PDB file of N, CA and C in Angstrom:
ATOM      1  N   MET A   1    -106.834 216.095-158.169  1.00  0.00           N
ATOM      2  CA  MET A   1    -105.438 216.381-157.863  1.00  0.00           C
ATOM      3  C   MET A   1    -105.106 217.811-158.288  1.00  0.00           C
ATOM      4  N   THR A   2    -104.446 218.547-157.424  1.00  0.00           N
ATOM      5  CA  THR A   2    -104.096 219.927-157.688  1.00  0.00           C
ATOM      6  C   THR A   2    -102.902 220.007-158.628  1.00  0.00           C
ATOM      7  N   GLN A   3    -103.040 220.857-159.645  1.00  0.00           N
ATOM      8  CA  GLN A   3    -101.946 221.068-160.577  1.00  0.00           C
ATOM      9  C   GLN A   3    -100.833 221.862-159.897  1.00  0.00           C
ATOM     10  N   THR A   4     -99.595 221.424-160.055  1.00  0.00           N
ATOM     11  CA  THR A   4     -98.462 222.135-159.475  1.00  0.00           C
ATOM     12  C   THR A   4     -97.468 222.513-160.574  1.00  0.00           C
ATOM     13  N   HIS A   5     -96.670 223.503-160.260  1.00  0.00           N
ATOM     14  CA  HIS A   5     -95.627 223.968-161.181  1.00  0.00           C
ATOM     15  C   HIS A   5     -94.307 224.024-160.422  1.00  0.00           C
ATOM     16  N   THR A   6     -93.225 223.801-161.137  1.00  0.00           N
ATOM     17  CA  THR A   6     -91.894 223.901-160.559  1.00  0.00           C
ATOM     18  C   THR A   6     -91.408 225.330-160.700  1.00  0.00           C
ATOM     19  N   ILE A   7     -91.053 225.920-159.557  1.00  0.00           N
ATOM     20  CA  ILE A   7     -90.571 227.292-159.537  1.00  0.00           C
ATOM     21  C   ILE A   7     -89.106 227.276-159.116  1.00  0.00           C
ATOM     22  N   THR A   8     -88.251 227.856-159.937  1.00  0.00           N
ATOM     23  CA  THR A   8     -86.839 228.023-159.595  1.00  0.00           C
ATOM     24  C   THR A   8     -86.621 229.490-159.274  1.00  0.00           C
ATOM     25  N   VAL A   9     -86.144 229.739-158.059  1.00  0.00           N
ATOM     26  CA  VAL A   9     -85.895 231.106-157.609  1.00  0.00           C
ATOM     27  C   VAL A   9     -84.397 231.274-157.407  1.00  0.00           C
ATOM     28  N   HIS A  10     -83.819 232.207-158.154  1.00  0.00           N
ATOM     29  CA  HIS A  10     -82.417 232.570-157.975  1.00  0.00           C
ATOM     30  C   HIS A  10     -82.400 233.778-157.035  1.00  0.00           C
ATOM     31  N   ASN A  11     -81.907 233.576-155.832  1.00  0.00           N
ATOM     32  CA  ASN A  11     -81.884 234.626-154.824  1.00  0.00           C
ATOM     33  C   ASN A  11     -80.579 235.404-154.945  1.00  0.00           C
ATOM     34  N   ARG A  12     -80.642 236.587-155.533  1.00  0.00           N
ATOM     35  CA  ARG A  12     -79.442 237.408-155.736  1.00  0.00           C
ATOM     36  C   ARG A  12     -78.812 237.827-154.413  1.00  0.00           C
ATOM     37  N   GLN A  13     -79.615 238.002-153.372  1.00  0.00           N
ATOM     38  CA  GLN A  13     -79.099 238.459-152.094  1.00  0.00           C
ATOM     39  C   GLN A  13     -78.213 237.406-151.414  1.00  0.00           C
ATOM     40  N   THR A  14     -78.556 236.131-151.578  1.00  0.00           N
ATOM     41  CA  THR A  14     -77.791 235.069-150.917  1.00  0.00           C
ATOM     42  C   THR A  14     -76.910 234.282-151.876  1.00  0.00           C
ATOM     43  N   GLY A  15     -77.154 234.405-153.175  1.00  0.00           N
ATOM     44  CA  GLY A  15     -76.406 233.632-154.160  1.00  0.00           C
ATOM     45  C   GLY A  15     -76.910 232.203-154.303  1.00  0.00           C
ATOM     46  N   LEU A  16     -77.991 231.867-153.614  1.00  0.00           N
ATOM     47  CA  LEU A  16     -78.543 230.516-153.659  1.00  0.00           C
ATOM     48  C   LEU A  16     -79.690 230.427-154.662  1.00  0.00           C
ATOM     49  N   SER A  17     -79.895 229.238-155.202  1.00  0.00           N
ATOM     50  CA  SER A  17     -81.065 228.961-156.040  1.00  0.00           C
ATOM     51  C   SER A  17     -81.893 227.896-155.356  1.00  0.00           C
ATOM     52  N   HIS A  18     -83.210 228.048-155.443  1.00  0.00           N
ATOM     53  CA  HIS A  18     -84.147 227.115-154.813  1.00  0.00           C
ATOM     54  C   HIS A  18     -85.133 226.634-155.860  1.00  0.00           C
ATOM     55  N   ARG A  19     -85.535 225.398-155.734  1.00  0.00           N
ATOM     56  CA  ARG A  19     -86.566 224.837-156.614  1.00  0.00           C
ATOM     57  C   ARG A  19     -87.674 224.282-155.730  1.00  0.00           C
ATOM     58  N   VAL A  20     -88.900 224.769-155.964  1.00  0.00           N
ATOM     59  CA  VAL A  20     -90.043 224.323-155.168  1.00  0.00           C
ATOM     60  C   VAL A  20     -91.219 223.998-156.081  1.00  0.00           C
ATOM     61  N   GLN A  21     -92.068 223.118-155.578  1.00  0.00           N
ATOM     62  CA  GLN A  21     -93.319 222.792-156.261  1.00  0.00           C
ATOM     63  C   GLN A  21     -94.403 223.686-155.675  1.00  0.00           C
ATOM     64  N   VAL A  22     -95.132 224.383-156.541  1.00  0.00           N
ATOM     65  CA  VAL A  22     -96.144 225.328-156.089  1.00  0.00           C
ATOM     66  C   VAL A  22     -97.478 224.995-156.743  1.00  0.00           C
ATOM     67  N   PRO A  23     -98.524 224.777-155.950  1.00  0.00           N
ATOM     68  CA  PRO A  23     -99.856 224.570-156.520  1.00  0.00           C
ATOM     69  C   PRO A  23    -100.286 225.812-157.302  1.00  0.00           C
ATOM     70  N   HIS A  24    -101.021 225.603-158.380  1.00  0.00           N
ATOM     71  CA  HIS A  24    -101.418 226.726-159.237  1.00  0.00           C
ATOM     72  C   HIS A  24    -102.332 227.726-158.540  1.00  0.00           C
ATOM     73  N   ASP A  25    -102.962 227.307-157.442  1.00  0.00           N
ATOM     74  CA  ASP A  25    -103.906 228.185-156.746  1.00  0.00           C
ATOM     75  C   ASP A  25    -103.370 228.724-155.415  1.00  0.00           C
ATOM     76  N   ARG A  26    -102.048 228.684-155.235  1.00  0.00           N
ATOM     77  CA  ARG A  26    -101.425 229.186-154.000  1.00  0.00           C
ATOM     78  C   ARG A  26    -100.388 230.247-154.355  1.00  0.00           C
ATOM     79  N   TYR A  27    -100.236 231.240-153.481  1.00  0.00           N
ATOM     80  CA  TYR A  27     -99.203 232.246-153.693  1.00  0.00           C
ATOM     81  C   TYR A  27     -97.823 231.591-153.672  1.00  0.00           C
ATOM     82  N   ILE A  28     -96.951 232.048-154.544  1.00  0.00           N
ATOM     83  CA  ILE A  28     -95.616 231.470-154.665  1.00  0.00           C
ATOM     84  C   ILE A  28     -94.819 231.659-153.375  1.00  0.00           C
ATOM     85  N   LEU A  29     -94.824 232.869-152.800  1.00  0.00           N
ATOM     86  CA  LEU A  29     -94.059 233.111-151.579  1.00  0.00           C
ATOM     87  C   LEU A  29     -94.512 232.190-150.452  1.00  0.00           C
ATOM     88  N   HIS A  30     -95.806 232.077-150.248  1.00  0.00           N
ATOM     89  CA  HIS A  30     -96.350 231.229-149.183  1.00  0.00           C
ATOM     90  C   HIS A  30     -95.917 229.779-149.382  1.00  0.00           C
ATOM     91  N   SER A  31     -96.011 229.291-150.600  1.00  0.00           N
ATOM     92  CA  SER A  31     -95.623 227.905-150.883  1.00  0.00           C
ATOM     93  C   SER A  31     -94.137 227.690-150.668  1.00  0.00           C
ATOM     94  N   ALA A  32     -93.311 228.658-151.072  1.00  0.00           N
ATOM     95  CA  ALA A  32     -91.868 228.537-150.866  1.00  0.00           C
ATOM     96  C   ALA A  32     -91.555 228.460-149.370  1.00  0.00           C
ATOM     97  N   GLU A  33     -92.201 229.319-148.595  1.00  0.00           N
ATOM     98  CA  GLU A  33     -91.983 229.300-147.145  1.00  0.00           C
ATOM     99  C   GLU A  33     -92.406 227.969-146.537  1.00  0.00           C
ATOM    100  N   ASN A  34     -93.505 227.419-147.005  1.00  0.00           N
ATOM    101  CA  ASN A  34     -93.965 226.115-146.506  1.00  0.00           C
ATOM    102  C   ASN A  34     -92.987 225.005-146.836  1.00  0.00           C
ATOM    103  N   ASN A  35     -92.121 225.249-147.824  1.00  0.00           N
ATOM    104  CA  ASN A  35     -91.093 224.278-148.201  1.00  0.00           C
ATOM    105  C   ASN A  35     -89.734 224.637-147.595  1.00  0.00           C
ATOM    106  N   GLY A  36     -89.716 225.538-146.623  1.00  0.00           N
ATOM    107  CA  GLY A  36     -88.481 225.882-145.930  1.00  0.00           C
ATOM    108  C   GLY A  36     -87.575 226.851-146.665  1.00  0.00           C
ATOM    109  N   VAL A  37     -88.063 227.497-147.714  1.00  0.00           N
ATOM    110  CA  VAL A  37     -87.261 228.436-148.488  1.00  0.00           C
ATOM    111  C   VAL A  37     -87.523 229.849-147.969  1.00  0.00           C
ATOM    112  N   GLU A  38     -86.461 230.520-147.535  1.00  0.00           N
ATOM    113  CA  GLU A  38     -86.575 231.890-147.043  1.00  0.00           C
ATOM    114  C   GLU A  38     -86.261 232.856-148.173  1.00  0.00           C
ATOM    115  N   LEU A  39     -87.232 233.719-148.480  1.00  0.00           N
ATOM    116  CA  LEU A  39     -87.074 234.723-149.521  1.00  0.00           C
ATOM    117  C   LEU A  39     -87.414 236.095-148.943  1.00  0.00           C
ATOM    118  N   PRO A  40     -86.932 237.156-149.569  1.00  0.00           N
ATOM    119  CA  PRO A  40     -87.244 238.490-149.062  1.00  0.00           C
ATOM    120  C   PRO A  40     -88.736 238.799-149.169  1.00  0.00           C
ATOM    121  N   PHE A  41     -89.290 239.432-148.140  1.00  0.00           N
ATOM    122  CA  PHE A  41     -90.686 239.887-148.169  1.00  0.00           C
ATOM    123  C   PHE A  41     -90.850 240.934-147.075  1.00  0.00           C
ATOM    124  N   SER A  42     -91.949 241.669-147.146  1.00  0.00           N
ATOM    125  CA  SER A  42     -92.262 242.626-146.094  1.00  0.00           C
ATOM    126  C   SER A  42     -93.759 242.668-145.842  1.00  0.00           C
ATOM    127  N   CYS A  43     -94.523 243.260-146.756  1.00  0.00           N
ATOM    128  CA  CYS A  43     -95.933 243.531-146.473  1.00  0.00           C
ATOM    129  C   CYS A  43     -96.868 242.347-146.702  1.00  0.00           C
ATOM    130  N   ARG A  44     -96.515 241.440-147.595  1.00  0.00           N
ATOM    131  CA  ARG A  44     -97.346 240.288-147.969  1.00  0.00           C
ATOM    132  C   ARG A  44     -98.681 240.681-148.599  1.00  0.00           C
ATOM    133  N   ASN A  45     -98.824 241.928-149.013  1.00  0.00           N
ATOM    134  CA  ASN A  45    -100.077 242.404-149.586  1.00  0.00           C
ATOM    135  C   ASN A  45     -99.944 242.919-151.009  1.00  0.00           C
ATOM    136  N   GLY A  46     -98.784 242.774-151.619  1.00  0.00           N
ATOM    137  CA  GLY A  46     -98.601 243.252-152.986  1.00  0.00           C
ATOM    138  C   GLY A  46     -98.445 244.751-153.089  1.00  0.00           C
ATOM    139  N   ALA A  47     -98.108 245.409-151.972  1.00  0.00           N
ATOM    140  CA  ALA A  47     -98.022 246.864-151.980  1.00  0.00           C
ATOM    141  C   ALA A  47     -96.583 247.384-152.014  1.00  0.00           C
ATOM    142  N   CYS A  48     -95.639 246.661-151.442  1.00  0.00           N
ATOM    143  CA  CYS A  48     -94.247 247.111-151.469  1.00  0.00           C
ATOM    144  C   CYS A  48     -93.500 246.310-152.544  1.00  0.00           C
ATOM    145  N   THR A  49     -92.212 246.493-152.640  1.00  0.00           N
ATOM    146  CA  THR A  49     -91.460 245.760-153.669  1.00  0.00           C
ATOM    147  C   THR A  49     -90.361 244.883-153.072  1.00  0.00           C
ATOM    148  N   THR A  50     -90.475 244.562-151.797  1.00  0.00           N
ATOM    149  CA  THR A  50     -89.451 243.745-151.145  1.00  0.00           C
ATOM    150  C   THR A  50     -89.337 242.357-151.770  1.00  0.00           C
ATOM    151  N   CYS A  51     -90.460 241.758-152.170  1.00  0.00           N
ATOM    152  CA  CYS A  51     -90.445 240.405-152.735  1.00  0.00           C
ATOM    153  C   CYS A  51     -90.402 240.410-154.267  1.00  0.00           C
ATOM    154  N   ALA A  52     -90.023 241.543-154.852  1.00  0.00           N
ATOM    155  CA  ALA A  52     -90.013 241.654-156.311  1.00  0.00           C
ATOM    156  C   ALA A  52     -89.018 240.691-156.946  1.00  0.00           C
ATOM    157  N   VAL A  53     -89.448 240.129-158.063  1.00  0.00           N
ATOM    158  CA  VAL A  53     -88.597 239.269-158.878  1.00  0.00           C
ATOM    159  C   VAL A  53     -88.703 239.707-160.332  1.00  0.00           C
ATOM    160  N   ARG A  54     -87.745 239.271-161.111  1.00  0.00           N
ATOM    161  CA  ARG A  54     -87.807 239.424-162.565  1.00  0.00           C
ATOM    162  C   ARG A  54     -88.059 238.022-163.099  1.00  0.00           C
ATOM    163  N   VAL A  55     -89.101 237.860-163.903  1.00  0.00           N
ATOM    164  CA  VAL A  55     -89.431 236.557-164.480  1.00  0.00           C
ATOM    165  C   VAL A  55     -88.487 236.294-165.651  1.00  0.00           C
ATOM    166  N   LEU A  56     -87.704 235.233-165.541  1.00  0.00           N
ATOM    167  CA  LEU A  56     -86.754 234.868-166.597  1.00  0.00           C
ATOM    168  C   LEU A  56     -87.394 233.960-167.626  1.00  0.00           C
ATOM    169  N   SER A  57     -88.317 233.102-167.168  1.00  0.00           N
ATOM    170  CA  SER A  57     -89.071 232.247-168.086  1.00  0.00           C
ATOM    171  C   SER A  57     -90.331 231.771-167.395  1.00  0.00           C
ATOM    172  N   GLY A  58     -91.360 231.523-168.190  1.00  0.00           N
ATOM    173  CA  GLY A  58     -92.622 231.051-167.656  1.00  0.00           C
ATOM    174  C   GLY A  58     -93.658 232.150-167.582  1.00  0.00           C
ATOM    175  N   GLU A  59     -94.835 231.772-167.086  1.00  0.00           N
ATOM    176  CA  GLU A  59     -95.965 232.691-167.024  1.00  0.00           C
ATOM    177  C   GLU A  59     -96.461 232.814-165.593  1.00  0.00           C
ATOM    178  N   ILE A  60     -96.725 234.060-165.190  1.00  0.00           N
ATOM    179  CA  ILE A  60     -97.138 234.353-163.823  1.00  0.00           C
ATOM    180  C   ILE A  60     -98.415 235.200-163.861  1.00  0.00           C
ATOM    181  N   TYR A  61     -99.255 235.043-162.855  1.00  0.00           N
ATOM    182  CA  TYR A  61    -100.506 235.795-162.751  1.00  0.00           C
ATOM    183  C   TYR A  61    -100.479 236.537-161.425  1.00  0.00           C
ATOM    184  N   GLN A  62    -100.638 237.874-161.463  1.00  0.00           N
ATOM    185  CA  GLN A  62    -100.521 238.680-160.244  1.00  0.00           C
ATOM    186  C   GLN A  62    -101.552 239.815-160.221  1.00  0.00           C
ATOM    187  N   PRO A  63    -102.833 239.480-160.125  1.00  0.00           N
ATOM    188  CA  PRO A  63    -103.867 240.506-160.183  1.00  0.00           C
ATOM    189  C   PRO A  63    -103.869 241.468-158.994  1.00  0.00           C
ATOM    190  N   GLU A  64    -103.245 241.096-157.882  1.00  0.00           N
ATOM    191  CA  GLU A  64    -103.274 241.921-156.674  1.00  0.00           C
ATOM    192  C   GLU A  64    -101.968 242.685-156.447  1.00  0.00           C
ATOM    193  N   ALA A  65    -101.083 242.707-157.424  1.00  0.00           N
ATOM    194  CA  ALA A  65     -99.777 243.360-157.266  1.00  0.00           C
ATOM    195  C   ALA A  65     -99.899 244.861-157.489  1.00  0.00           C
ATOM    196  N   ILE A  66    -100.529 245.541-156.529  1.00  0.00           N
ATOM    197  CA  ILE A  66    -100.752 246.976-156.679  1.00  0.00           C
ATOM    198  C   ILE A  66     -99.463 247.781-156.535  1.00  0.00           C
ATOM    199  N   GLY A  67     -98.420 247.186-155.994  1.00  0.00           N
ATOM    200  CA  GLY A  67     -97.147 247.880-155.805  1.00  0.00           C
ATOM    201  C   GLY A  67     -96.286 247.964-157.050  1.00  0.00           C
ATOM    202  N   LEU A  68     -96.725 247.360-158.147  1.00  0.00           N
ATOM    203  CA  LEU A  68     -95.969 247.420-159.403  1.00  0.00           C
ATOM    204  C   LEU A  68     -96.780 248.140-160.465  1.00  0.00           C
ATOM    205  N   SER A  69     -96.142 249.031-161.164  1.00  0.00           N
ATOM    206  CA  SER A  69     -96.808 249.743-162.252  1.00  0.00           C
ATOM    207  C   SER A  69     -97.066 248.777-163.410  1.00  0.00           C
ATOM    208  N   PRO A  70     -98.042 249.089-164.245  1.00  0.00           N
ATOM    209  CA  PRO A  70     -98.284 248.259-165.430  1.00  0.00           C
ATOM    210  C   PRO A  70     -97.039 248.141-166.313  1.00  0.00           C
ATOM    211  N   GLU A  71     -96.253 249.195-166.379  1.00  0.00           N
ATOM    212  CA  GLU A  71     -95.036 249.165-167.198  1.00  0.00           C
ATOM    213  C   GLU A  71     -94.035 248.142-166.671  1.00  0.00           C
ATOM    214  N   LEU A  72     -93.813 248.115-165.356  1.00  0.00           N
ATOM    215  CA  LEU A  72     -92.880 247.131-164.793  1.00  0.00           C
ATOM    216  C   LEU A  72     -93.413 245.713-164.951  1.00  0.00           C
ATOM    217  N   ARG A  73     -94.713 245.537-164.858  1.00  0.00           N
ATOM    218  CA  ARG A  73     -95.297 244.208-165.099  1.00  0.00           C
ATOM    219  C   ARG A  73     -95.018 243.769-166.529  1.00  0.00           C
ATOM    220  N   ARG A  74     -95.175 244.691-167.470  1.00  0.00           N
ATOM    221  CA  ARG A  74     -94.892 244.366-168.883  1.00  0.00           C
ATOM    222  C   ARG A  74     -93.422 244.013-169.096  1.00  0.00           C
ATOM    223  N   GLN A  75     -92.560 244.602-168.272  1.00  0.00           N
ATOM    224  CA  GLN A  75     -91.122 244.329-168.371  1.00  0.00           C
ATOM    225  C   GLN A  75     -90.730 243.026-167.681  1.00  0.00           C
ATOM    226  N   GLY A  76     -91.705 242.332-167.072  1.00  0.00           N
ATOM    227  CA  GLY A  76     -91.420 241.030-166.488  1.00  0.00           C
ATOM    228  C   GLY A  76     -91.193 241.012-164.993  1.00  0.00           C
ATOM    229  N   TYR A  77     -91.532 242.090-164.316  1.00  0.00           N
ATOM    230  CA  TYR A  77     -91.397 242.104-162.855  1.00  0.00           C
ATOM    231  C   TYR A  77     -92.663 241.555-162.217  1.00  0.00           C
ATOM    232  N   ALA A  78     -92.498 240.938-161.059  1.00  0.00           N
ATOM    233  CA  ALA A  78     -93.631 240.363-160.335  1.00  0.00           C
ATOM    234  C   ALA A  78     -93.363 240.441-158.841  1.00  0.00           C
ATOM    235  N   LEU A  79     -94.434 240.330-158.054  1.00  0.00           N
ATOM    236  CA  LEU A  79     -94.335 240.298-156.599  1.00  0.00           C
ATOM    237  C   LEU A  79     -94.759 238.908-156.130  1.00  0.00           C
ATOM    238  N   LEU A  80     -93.811 238.151-155.585  1.00  0.00           N
ATOM    239  CA  LEU A  80     -94.083 236.754-155.221  1.00  0.00           C
ATOM    240  C   LEU A  80     -95.158 236.595-154.160  1.00  0.00           C
ATOM    241  N   CYS A  81     -95.359 237.601-153.316  1.00  0.00           N
ATOM    242  CA  CYS A  81     -96.335 237.447-152.224  1.00  0.00           C
ATOM    243  C   CYS A  81     -97.767 237.354-152.736  1.00  0.00           C
ATOM    244  N   VAL A  82     -98.035 237.871-153.930  1.00  0.00           N
ATOM    245  CA  VAL A  82     -99.395 237.839-154.486  1.00  0.00           C
ATOM    246  C   VAL A  82     -99.405 237.276-155.909  1.00  0.00           C
ATOM    247  N   SER A  83     -98.458 236.399-156.217  1.00  0.00           N
ATOM    248  CA  SER A  83     -98.367 235.828-157.564  1.00  0.00           C
ATOM    249  C   SER A  83     -98.665 234.340-157.573  1.00  0.00           C
ATOM    250  N   TYR A  84     -99.323 233.939-158.654  1.00  0.00           N
ATOM    251  CA  TYR A  84     -99.624 232.535-158.904  1.00  0.00           C
ATOM    252  C   TYR A  84     -98.837 232.078-160.125  1.00  0.00           C
ATOM    253  N   ALA A  85     -98.371 230.849-160.101  1.00  0.00           N
ATOM    254  CA  ALA A  85     -97.672 230.288-161.253  1.00  0.00           C
ATOM    255  C   ALA A  85     -98.692 229.722-162.241  1.00  0.00           C
ATOM    256  N   CYS A  86     -98.552 230.093-163.498  1.00  0.00           N
ATOM    257  CA  CYS A  86     -99.406 229.554-164.563  1.00  0.00           C
ATOM    258  C   CYS A  86     -98.655 228.509-165.375  1.00  0.00           C
ATOM    259  N   SER A  87     -97.376 228.336-165.090  1.00  0.00           N
ATOM    260  CA  SER A  87     -96.520 227.366-165.771  1.00  0.00           C
ATOM    261  C   SER A  87     -95.305 227.169-164.868  1.00  0.00           C
ATOM    262  N   ASN A  88     -94.382 226.319-165.289  1.00  0.00           N
ATOM    263  CA  ASN A  88     -93.105 226.272-164.592  1.00  0.00           C
ATOM    264  C   ASN A  88     -92.465 227.648-164.754  1.00  0.00           C
ATOM    265  N   LEU A  89     -91.761 228.095-163.720  1.00  0.00           N
ATOM    266  CA  LEU A  89     -91.185 229.443-163.722  1.00  0.00           C
ATOM    267  C   LEU A  89     -89.732 229.434-163.304  1.00  0.00           C
ATOM    268  N   GLU A  90     -89.008 230.384-163.842  1.00  0.00           N
ATOM    269  CA  GLU A  90     -87.671 230.693-163.352  1.00  0.00           C
ATOM    270  C   GLU A  90     -87.670 232.192-163.091  1.00  0.00           C
ATOM    271  N   VAL A  91     -87.342 232.578-161.858  1.00  0.00           N
ATOM    272  CA  VAL A  91     -87.356 233.986-161.477  1.00  0.00           C
ATOM    273  C   VAL A  91     -86.067 234.322-160.731  1.00  0.00           C
ATOM    274  N   GLU A  92     -85.796 235.629-160.669  1.00  0.00           N
ATOM    275  CA  GLU A  92     -84.615 236.115-159.963  1.00  0.00           C
ATOM    276  C   GLU A  92     -85.040 237.248-159.038  1.00  0.00           C
ATOM    277  N   THR A  93     -84.668 237.155-157.752  1.00  0.00           N
ATOM    278  CA  THR A  93     -85.021 238.224-156.819  1.00  0.00           C
ATOM    279  C   THR A  93     -84.337 239.511-157.255  1.00  0.00           C
ATOM    280  N   GLN A  94     -84.962 240.623-156.889  1.00  0.00           N
ATOM    281  CA  GLN A  94     -84.447 241.944-157.230  1.00  0.00           C
ATOM    282  C   GLN A  94     -84.139 242.708-155.955  1.00  0.00           C
ATOM    283  N   ASP A  95     -83.369 243.751-156.071  1.00  0.00           N
ATOM    284  CA  ASP A  95     -83.118 244.636-154.954  1.00  0.00           C
ATOM    285  C   ASP A  95     -84.279 245.609-154.852  1.00  0.00           C
ATOM    286  N   GLU A  96     -84.871 245.731-153.658  1.00  0.00           N
ATOM    287  CA  GLU A  96     -86.042 246.582-153.480  1.00  0.00           C
ATOM    288  C   GLU A  96     -85.784 248.019-153.933  1.00  0.00           C
ATOM    289  N   ASP A  97     -84.630 248.571-153.600  1.00  0.00           N
ATOM    290  CA  ASP A  97     -84.316 249.943-153.990  1.00  0.00           C
ATOM    291  C   ASP A  97     -84.213 250.088-155.504  1.00  0.00           C
ATOM    292  N   GLU A  98     -83.696 249.066-156.154  1.00  0.00           N
ATOM    293  CA  GLU A  98     -83.568 249.077-157.608  1.00  0.00           C
ATOM    294  C   GLU A  98     -84.950 249.140-158.269  1.00  0.00           C
ATOM    295  N   VAL A  99     -85.875 248.331-157.798  1.00  0.00           N
ATOM    296  CA  VAL A  99     -87.236 248.312-158.348  1.00  0.00           C
ATOM    297  C   VAL A  99     -87.942 249.628-158.044  1.00  0.00           C
ATOM    298  N   TYR A 100     -87.764 250.129-156.844  1.00  0.00           N
ATOM    299  CA  TYR A 100     -88.380 251.401-156.460  1.00  0.00           C
ATOM    300  C   TYR A 100     -87.888 252.519-157.374  1.00  0.00           C
ATOM    301  N   GLU A 101     -86.589 252.551-157.638  1.00  0.00           N
ATOM    302  CA  GLU A 101     -86.011 253.579-158.517  1.00  0.00           C
ATOM    303  C   GLU A 101     -86.550 253.438-159.940  1.00  0.00           C
ATOM    304  N   LEU A 102     -86.650 252.208-160.439  1.00  0.00           N
ATOM    305  CA  LEU A 102     -87.206 251.994-161.776  1.00  0.00           C
ATOM    306  C   LEU A 102     -88.630 252.529-161.865  1.00  0.00           C
ATOM    307  N   GLN A 103     -89.374 252.329-160.799  1.00  0.00           N
ATOM    308  CA  GLN A 103     -90.782 252.687-160.810  1.00  0.00           C
ATOM    309  C   GLN A 103     -91.035 254.171-160.537  1.00  0.00           C
ATOM    310  N   PHE A 104     -90.318 254.740-159.578  1.00  0.00           N
ATOM    311  CA  PHE A 104     -90.629 256.092-159.145  1.00  0.00           C
ATOM    312  C   PHE A 104     -89.512 257.109-159.362  1.00  0.00           C
ATOM    313  N   GLY A 105     -88.299 256.667-159.570  1.00  0.00           N
ATOM    314  CA  GLY A 105     -87.152 257.566-159.644  1.00  0.00           C
ATOM    315  C   GLY A 105     -87.269 258.651-160.683  1.00  0.00           C
ATOM    316  N   ARG A 106     -87.919 258.377-161.776  1.00  0.00           N
ATOM    317  CA  ARG A 106     -88.026 259.388-162.838  1.00  0.00           C
ATOM    318  C   ARG A 106     -88.994 260.506-162.471  1.00  0.00           C
ATOM    319  N   PHE A 107     -89.799 260.321-161.437  1.00  0.00           N
ATOM    320  CA  PHE A 107     -90.778 261.326-161.040  1.00  0.00           C
ATOM    321  C   PHE A 107     -90.308 262.210-159.891  1.00  0.00           C
ATOM    322  N   PHE A 108     -89.669 261.624-158.878  1.00  0.00           N
ATOM    323  CA  PHE A 108     -89.309 262.383-157.690  1.00  0.00           C
ATOM    324  C   PHE A 108     -88.171 263.345-157.973  1.00  0.00           C
ATOM    325  N   GLY A 109     -88.302 264.542-157.452  1.00  0.00           N
ATOM    326  CA  GLY A 109     -87.289 265.554-157.646  1.00  0.00           C
ATOM    327  C   GLY A 109     -87.344 266.212-159.007  1.00  0.00           C
ATOM    328  N   LYS A 110     -88.358 265.901-159.789  1.00  0.00           N
ATOM    329  CA  LYS A 110     -88.471 266.447-161.129  1.00  0.00           C
ATOM    330  C   LYS A 110     -89.789 267.198-161.324  1.00  0.00           C
ATOM    331  N   GLY A 111     -90.538 267.394-160.223  1.00  0.00           N
ATOM    332  CA  GLY A 111     -91.772 268.169-160.293  1.00  0.00           C
ATOM    333  C   GLY A 111     -92.926 267.478-160.990  1.00  0.00           C
ATOM    334  N   LYS A 112     -92.871 266.159-161.149  1.00  0.00           N
ATOM    335  CA  LYS A 112     -93.927 265.451-161.863  1.00  0.00           C
ATOM    336  C   LYS A 112     -94.976 264.834-160.947  1.00  0.00           C
ATOM    337  N   VAL A 113     -94.737 264.845-159.634  1.00  0.00           N
ATOM    338  CA  VAL A 113     -95.697 264.267-158.705  1.00  0.00           C
ATOM    339  C   VAL A 113     -96.478 265.406-158.051  1.00  0.00           C
ATOM    340  N   ARG A 114     -97.775 265.422-158.272  1.00  0.00           N
ATOM    341  CA  ARG A 114     -98.606 266.468-157.678  1.00  0.00           C
ATOM    342  C   ARG A 114     -99.510 265.901-156.589  1.00  0.00           C
ATOM    343  N   ALA A 115    -100.134 264.777-156.836  1.00  0.00           N
ATOM    344  CA  ALA A 115    -101.028 264.150-155.853  1.00  0.00           C
ATOM    345  C   ALA A 115    -100.981 262.650-156.066  1.00  0.00           C
ATOM    346  N   GLY A 116    -100.550 261.916-155.074  1.00  0.00           N
ATOM    347  CA  GLY A 116    -100.505 260.454-155.184  1.00  0.00           C
ATOM    348  C   GLY A 116     -99.331 259.994-156.011  1.00  0.00           C
ATOM    349  N   PHE A 117     -99.274 258.708-156.225  1.00  0.00           N
ATOM    350  CA  PHE A 117     -98.191 258.119-156.992  1.00  0.00           C
ATOM    351  C   PHE A 117     -98.590 257.969-158.447  1.00  0.00           C
ATOM    352  N   PRO A 118     -97.668 258.179-159.354  1.00  0.00           N
ATOM    353  CA  PRO A 118     -97.956 258.132-160.793  1.00  0.00           C
ATOM    354  C   PRO A 118     -97.906 256.722-161.362  1.00  0.00           C
ATOM    355  N   LEU A 119     -98.610 255.778-160.765  1.00  0.00           N
ATOM    356  CA  LEU A 119     -98.516 254.388-161.195  1.00  0.00           C
ATOM    357  C   LEU A 119     -99.062 254.162-162.598  1.00  0.00           C
ATOM    358  N   GLU A 120    -100.070 254.903-162.994  1.00  0.00           N
ATOM    359  CA  GLU A 120    -100.681 254.687-164.290  1.00  0.00           C
ATOM    360  C   GLU A 120    -100.152 255.646-165.360  1.00  0.00           C
ATOM    361  N   GLU A 121     -99.328 256.587-164.965  1.00  0.00           N
ATOM    362  CA  GLU A 121     -98.834 257.601-165.875  1.00  0.00           C
ATOM    363  C   GLU A 121     -97.681 257.080-166.723  1.00  0.00           C
ATOM    364  N   ASP A 122     -97.669 257.426-167.986  1.00  0.00           N
ATOM    365  CA  ASP A 122     -96.534 257.048-168.856  1.00  0.00           C
ATOM    366  C   ASP A 122     -95.723 258.241-169.251  1.00  0.00           C
TER     367      ASP A 122
END
């Protein structure tokens, strides 16, 4: 029998909250969609921040979330399209522009970007 976790998603864009059962070995976004829950997404590859959430409680595993800096991951941000639940979770959707600004805003227009994105730079 596959282990499942209860995921509660508070969708800030719609004001709705959803609760879904997600197998531990399936992406959270995919499982939510299979349960009729519509959440923000774009690339489905962990590269953009459209499906970004802030983890309010629980543990998440996201080895393929290349669109989030290590610092934002430490702060509790995750990308649902490439995240697995390691426990019951409560998350809140984020505004894509807000996450983008948190991640890159301090670099652009300040002469700190020379080649590529400063994802690993502190």
